[in-house]
Amino acid sequence: MDKETVAFLKAEKRVKELKSFYRFLFIWIIISCFLMAMNLATGDREFWSIFPVMGMGLGVMIKYVRVFGWPGFGKDWEERKFYEELERIKEREERIKYMLNKGKNQTPASPASPADQAALDLDKLDLKEVRKQWRDSELV
């Protein structure tokens, strides 16, 4: 199969999953409204309809996670975190190389990113020690 056919099949499957979820959500809303109306019409002092509504709501939540993924942790999040971690590791390796070259009094290679340049600039700074002029008990 070519790429267009595979993409078409994936899109078709995704649309079916979305349609299934929205149909399930709509049915849950209708049944929940019916059960609550029935509960109010009978005049019971106990709000018994909450139990089946919550049970079906749990089913809706599970279906949501299956269709859309865990909120905030979808495939986009995973890919973004992968590349962030890759950049962090590369920056760390560059700092280590710089520190090793610094010990040998060699000039470091030009930094690959602004973050690398910032790390290199921090090493060049001569920082003074700041003495604390307050008591910790004064802080809220």
C-alpha atoms as a PDB file:
ATOM      1  CA  MET A   1       0.000   0.000   0.000  1.00  0.00           C
ATOM      2  CA  ASP A   2       1.158   3.500  -0.674  1.00  0.00           C
ATOM      3  CA  LYS A   3       1.271   6.334   1.847  1.00  0.00           C
ATOM      4  CA  GLU A   4      -1.994   7.914   0.711  1.00  0.00           C
ATOM      5  CA  THR A   5      -3.909   4.663   1.187  1.00  0.00           C
ATOM      6  CA  VAL A   6      -2.455   4.135   4.652  1.00  0.00           C
ATOM      7  CA  ALA A   7      -3.228   7.737   5.614  1.00  0.00           C
ATOM      8  CA  PHE A   8      -6.765   7.346   4.259  1.00  0.00           C
ATOM      9  CA  LEU A   9      -7.335   4.184   6.291  1.00  0.00           C
ATOM     10  CA  LYS A  10      -5.972   5.807   9.456  1.00  0.00           C
ATOM     11  CA  ALA A  11      -8.177   8.855   8.959  1.00  0.00           C
ATOM     12  CA  GLU A  12     -11.209   6.654   8.348  1.00  0.00           C
ATOM     13  CA  LYS A  13     -10.525   4.670  11.530  1.00  0.00           C
ATOM     14  CA  ARG A  14     -10.054   7.886  13.535  1.00  0.00           C
ATOM     15  CA  VAL A  15     -13.338   9.339  12.275  1.00  0.00           C
ATOM     16  CA  LYS A  16     -15.152   6.123  13.236  1.00  0.00           C
ATOM     17  CA  GLU A  17     -13.636   6.292  16.745  1.00  0.00           C
ATOM     18  CA  LEU A  18     -14.675   9.941  17.130  1.00  0.00           C
ATOM     19  CA  LYS A  19     -18.191   9.189  15.884  1.00  0.00           C
ATOM     20  CA  SER A  20     -18.459   6.291  18.320  1.00  0.00           C
ATOM     21  CA  PHE A  21     -17.349   8.467  21.242  1.00  0.00           C
ATOM     22  CA  TYR A  22     -19.750  11.315  20.439  1.00  0.00           C
ATOM     23  CA  ARG A  23     -22.637   8.865  19.982  1.00  0.00           C
ATOM     24  CA  PHE A  24     -21.806   7.282  23.364  1.00  0.00           C
ATOM     25  CA  LEU A  25     -21.612  10.740  24.992  1.00  0.00           C
ATOM     26  CA  PHE A  26     -24.964  11.764  23.513  1.00  0.00           C
ATOM     27  CA  ILE A  27     -26.639   8.545  24.717  1.00  0.00           C
ATOM     28  CA  TRP A  28     -25.161   9.065  28.203  1.00  0.00           C
ATOM     29  CA  ILE A  29     -26.537  12.613  28.357  1.00  0.00           C
ATOM     30  CA  ILE A  30     -30.022  11.489  27.240  1.00  0.00           C
ATOM     31  CA  ILE A  31     -30.164   8.572  29.689  1.00  0.00           C
ATOM     32  CA  SER A  32     -28.806  10.726  32.527  1.00  0.00           C
ATOM     33  CA  CYS A  33     -31.445  13.391  31.934  1.00  0.00           C
ATOM     34  CA  PHE A  34     -34.154  10.718  31.789  1.00  0.00           C
ATOM     35  CA  LEU A  35     -33.023   9.095  35.045  1.00  0.00           C
ATOM     36  CA  MET A  36     -32.783  12.429  36.870  1.00  0.00           C
ATOM     37  CA  ALA A  37     -36.213  13.487  35.616  1.00  0.00           C
ATOM     38  CA  MET A  38     -37.622  10.130  36.732  1.00  0.00           C
ATOM     39  CA  ASN A  39     -35.987  10.585  40.141  1.00  0.00           C
ATOM     40  CA  LEU A  40     -37.477  14.067  40.540  1.00  0.00           C
ATOM     41  CA  ALA A  41     -40.913  12.939  39.277  1.00  0.00           C
ATOM     42  CA  THR A  42     -41.184  10.138  41.847  1.00  0.00           C
ATOM     43  CA  GLY A  43     -40.568  12.617  44.629  1.00  0.00           C
ATOM     44  CA  ASP A  44     -38.009  10.459  46.412  1.00  0.00           C
ATOM     45  CA  ARG A  45     -35.909  12.287  48.953  1.00  0.00           C
ATOM     46  CA  GLU A  46     -32.930  10.182  47.961  1.00  0.00           C
ATOM     47  CA  PHE A  47     -31.096  11.150  44.806  1.00  0.00           C
ATOM     48  CA  TRP A  48     -30.659   7.565  43.573  1.00  0.00           C
ATOM     49  CA  SER A  49     -30.161   8.488  39.919  1.00  0.00           C
ATOM     50  CA  ILE A  50     -26.655   9.738  40.640  1.00  0.00           C
ATOM     51  CA  PHE A  51     -25.319   6.175  40.917  1.00  0.00           C
ATOM     52  CA  PRO A  52     -26.202   4.939  37.410  1.00  0.00           C
ATOM     53  CA  VAL A  53     -25.255   8.346  35.972  1.00  0.00           C
ATOM     54  CA  MET A  54     -21.826   8.194  37.623  1.00  0.00           C
ATOM     55  CA  GLY A  55     -21.326   4.583  36.505  1.00  0.00           C
ATOM     56  CA  MET A  56     -22.076   5.463  32.909  1.00  0.00           C
ATOM     57  CA  GLY A  57     -19.955   8.596  33.296  1.00  0.00           C
ATOM     58  CA  LEU A  58     -17.017   6.391  34.188  1.00  0.00           C
ATOM     59  CA  GLY A  59     -17.633   4.505  30.948  1.00  0.00           C
ATOM     60  CA  VAL A  60     -17.640   7.828  29.051  1.00  0.00           C
ATOM     61  CA  MET A  61     -14.332   8.798  30.665  1.00  0.00           C
ATOM     62  CA  ILE A  62     -12.746   5.470  29.709  1.00  0.00           C
ATOM     63  CA  LYS A  63     -14.008   5.845  26.141  1.00  0.00           C
ATOM     64  CA  TYR A  64     -12.613   9.416  26.061  1.00  0.00           C
ATOM     65  CA  VAL A  65      -9.159   8.231  27.131  1.00  0.00           C
ATOM     66  CA  ARG A  66      -9.209   5.473  24.505  1.00  0.00           C
ATOM     67  CA  VAL A  67     -10.168   7.895  21.717  1.00  0.00           C
ATOM     68  CA  PHE A  68      -8.305  11.095  22.671  1.00  0.00           C
ATOM     69  CA  GLY A  69      -5.612   9.771  24.985  1.00  0.00           C
ATOM     70  CA  TRP A  70      -4.878  10.874  28.516  1.00  0.00           C
ATOM     71  CA  PRO A  71      -5.364  14.651  28.741  1.00  0.00           C
ATOM     72  CA  GLY A  72      -2.005  16.346  28.226  1.00  0.00           C
ATOM     73  CA  PHE A  73      -0.151  13.107  27.486  1.00  0.00           C
ATOM     74  CA  GLY A  74      -0.989  12.334  23.870  1.00  0.00           C
ATOM     75  CA  LYS A  75       1.395  11.367  21.102  1.00  0.00           C
ATOM     76  CA  ASP A  76       2.230  15.033  20.477  1.00  0.00           C
ATOM     77  CA  TRP A  77       3.297  15.405  24.101  1.00  0.00           C
ATOM     78  CA  GLU A  78       5.451  12.289  23.895  1.00  0.00           C
ATOM     79  CA  GLU A  79       7.188  13.466  20.727  1.00  0.00           C
ATOM     80  CA  ARG A  80       7.738  16.977  22.125  1.00  0.00           C
ATOM     81  CA  LYS A  81       9.206  15.584  25.358  1.00  0.00           C
ATOM     82  CA  PHE A  82      11.454  13.255  23.354  1.00  0.00           C
ATOM     83  CA  TYR A  83      12.986  16.151  21.443  1.00  0.00           C
ATOM     84  CA  GLU A  84      13.284  18.295  24.593  1.00  0.00           C
ATOM     85  CA  GLU A  85      15.148  15.482  26.332  1.00  0.00           C
ATOM     86  CA  LEU A  86      17.358  14.990  23.287  1.00  0.00           C
ATOM     87  CA  GLU A  87      18.260  18.707  23.315  1.00  0.00           C
ATOM     88  CA  ARG A  88      18.959  18.601  27.062  1.00  0.00           C
ATOM     89  CA  ILE A  89      21.307  15.648  26.627  1.00  0.00           C
ATOM     90  CA  LYS A  90      23.119  17.356  23.742  1.00  0.00           C
ATOM     91  CA  GLU A  91      23.522  20.549  25.789  1.00  0.00           C
ATOM     92  CA  ARG A  92      24.905  18.549  28.706  1.00  0.00           C
ATOM     93  CA  GLU A  93      27.408  16.791  26.458  1.00  0.00           C
ATOM     94  CA  GLU A  94      28.509  20.146  25.026  1.00  0.00           C
ATOM     95  CA  ARG A  95      29.054  21.546  28.541  1.00  0.00           C
ATOM     96  CA  ILE A  96      31.094  18.485  29.484  1.00  0.00           C
ATOM     97  CA  LYS A  97      33.208  18.851  26.350  1.00  0.00           C
ATOM     98  CA  TYR A  98      33.699  22.536  27.114  1.00  0.00           C
ATOM     99  CA  MET A  99      34.740  21.809  30.696  1.00  0.00           C
ATOM    100  CA  LEU A 100      37.219  19.177  29.492  1.00  0.00           C
ATOM    101  CA  ASN A 101      38.605  21.583  26.889  1.00  0.00           C
ATOM    102  CA  LYS A 102      38.755  24.375  29.461  1.00  0.00           C
ATOM    103  CA  GLY A 103      40.973  22.202  31.641  1.00  0.00           C
ATOM    104  CA  LYS A 104      43.340  21.772  28.714  1.00  0.00           C
ATOM    105  CA  ASN A 105      43.283  25.539  27.991  1.00  0.00           C
ATOM    106  CA  GLN A 106      41.787  24.994  24.578  1.00  0.00           C
ATOM    107  CA  THR A 107      39.162  27.178  23.005  1.00  0.00           C
ATOM    108  CA  PRO A 108      35.745  25.538  22.915  1.00  0.00           C
ATOM    109  CA  ALA A 109      33.917  24.822  19.700  1.00  0.00           C
ATOM    110  CA  SER A 110      31.294  27.378  18.780  1.00  0.00           C
ATOM    111  CA  PRO A 111      28.062  26.611  20.637  1.00  0.00           C
ATOM    112  CA  ALA A 112      25.282  25.040  18.641  1.00  0.00           C
ATOM    113  CA  SER A 113      22.433  26.963  20.256  1.00  0.00           C
ATOM    114  CA  PRO A 114      21.767  30.080  22.354  1.00  0.00           C
ATOM    115  CA  ALA A 115      21.334  27.818  25.392  1.00  0.00           C
ATOM    116  CA  ASP A 116      24.871  26.519  24.899  1.00  0.00           C
ATOM    117  CA  GLN A 117      26.158  30.076  24.581  1.00  0.00           C
ATOM    118  CA  ALA A 118      24.400  31.012  27.831  1.00  0.00           C
ATOM    119  CA  ALA A 119      25.992  28.034  29.599  1.00  0.00           C
ATOM    120  CA  LEU A 120      29.404  29.080  28.309  1.00  0.00           C
ATOM    121  CA  ASP A 121      28.874  32.685  29.417  1.00  0.00           C
ATOM    122  CA  LEU A 122      27.929  31.534  32.921  1.00  0.00           C
ATOM    123  CA  ASP A 123      31.252  29.747  33.253  1.00  0.00           C
ATOM    124  CA  LYS A 124      33.105  32.970  32.442  1.00  0.00           C
ATOM    125  CA  LEU A 125      31.371  35.044  35.107  1.00  0.00           C
ATOM    126  CA  ASP A 126      33.151  35.830  38.342  1.00  0.00           C
ATOM    127  CA  LEU A 127      30.372  35.749  40.919  1.00  0.00           C
ATOM    128  CA  LYS A 128      30.567  37.379  44.322  1.00  0.00           C
ATOM    129  CA  GLU A 129      29.216  35.682  47.374  1.00  0.00           C
ATOM    130  CA  VAL A 130      26.136  37.449  48.687  1.00  0.00           C
ATOM    131  CA  ARG A 131      25.634  37.569  52.417  1.00  0.00           C
ATOM    132  CA  LYS A 132      22.109  37.131  53.692  1.00  0.00           C
ATOM    133  CA  GLN A 133      20.826  40.296  55.406  1.00  0.00           C
ATOM    134  CA  TRP A 134      17.633  38.862  56.839  1.00  0.00           C
ATOM    135  CA  ARG A 135      16.483  36.153  59.186  1.00  0.00           C
ATOM    136  CA  ASP A 136      14.510  33.215  57.917  1.00  0.00           C
ATOM    137  CA  SER A 137      11.936  33.777  60.660  1.00  0.00           C
ATOM    138  CA  GLU A 138      11.090  37.143  59.076  1.00  0.00           C
ATOM    139  CA  LEU A 139       9.924  35.436  55.890  1.00  0.00           C
ATOM    140  CA  VAL A 140       6.334  34.380  55.592  1.00  0.00           C
END
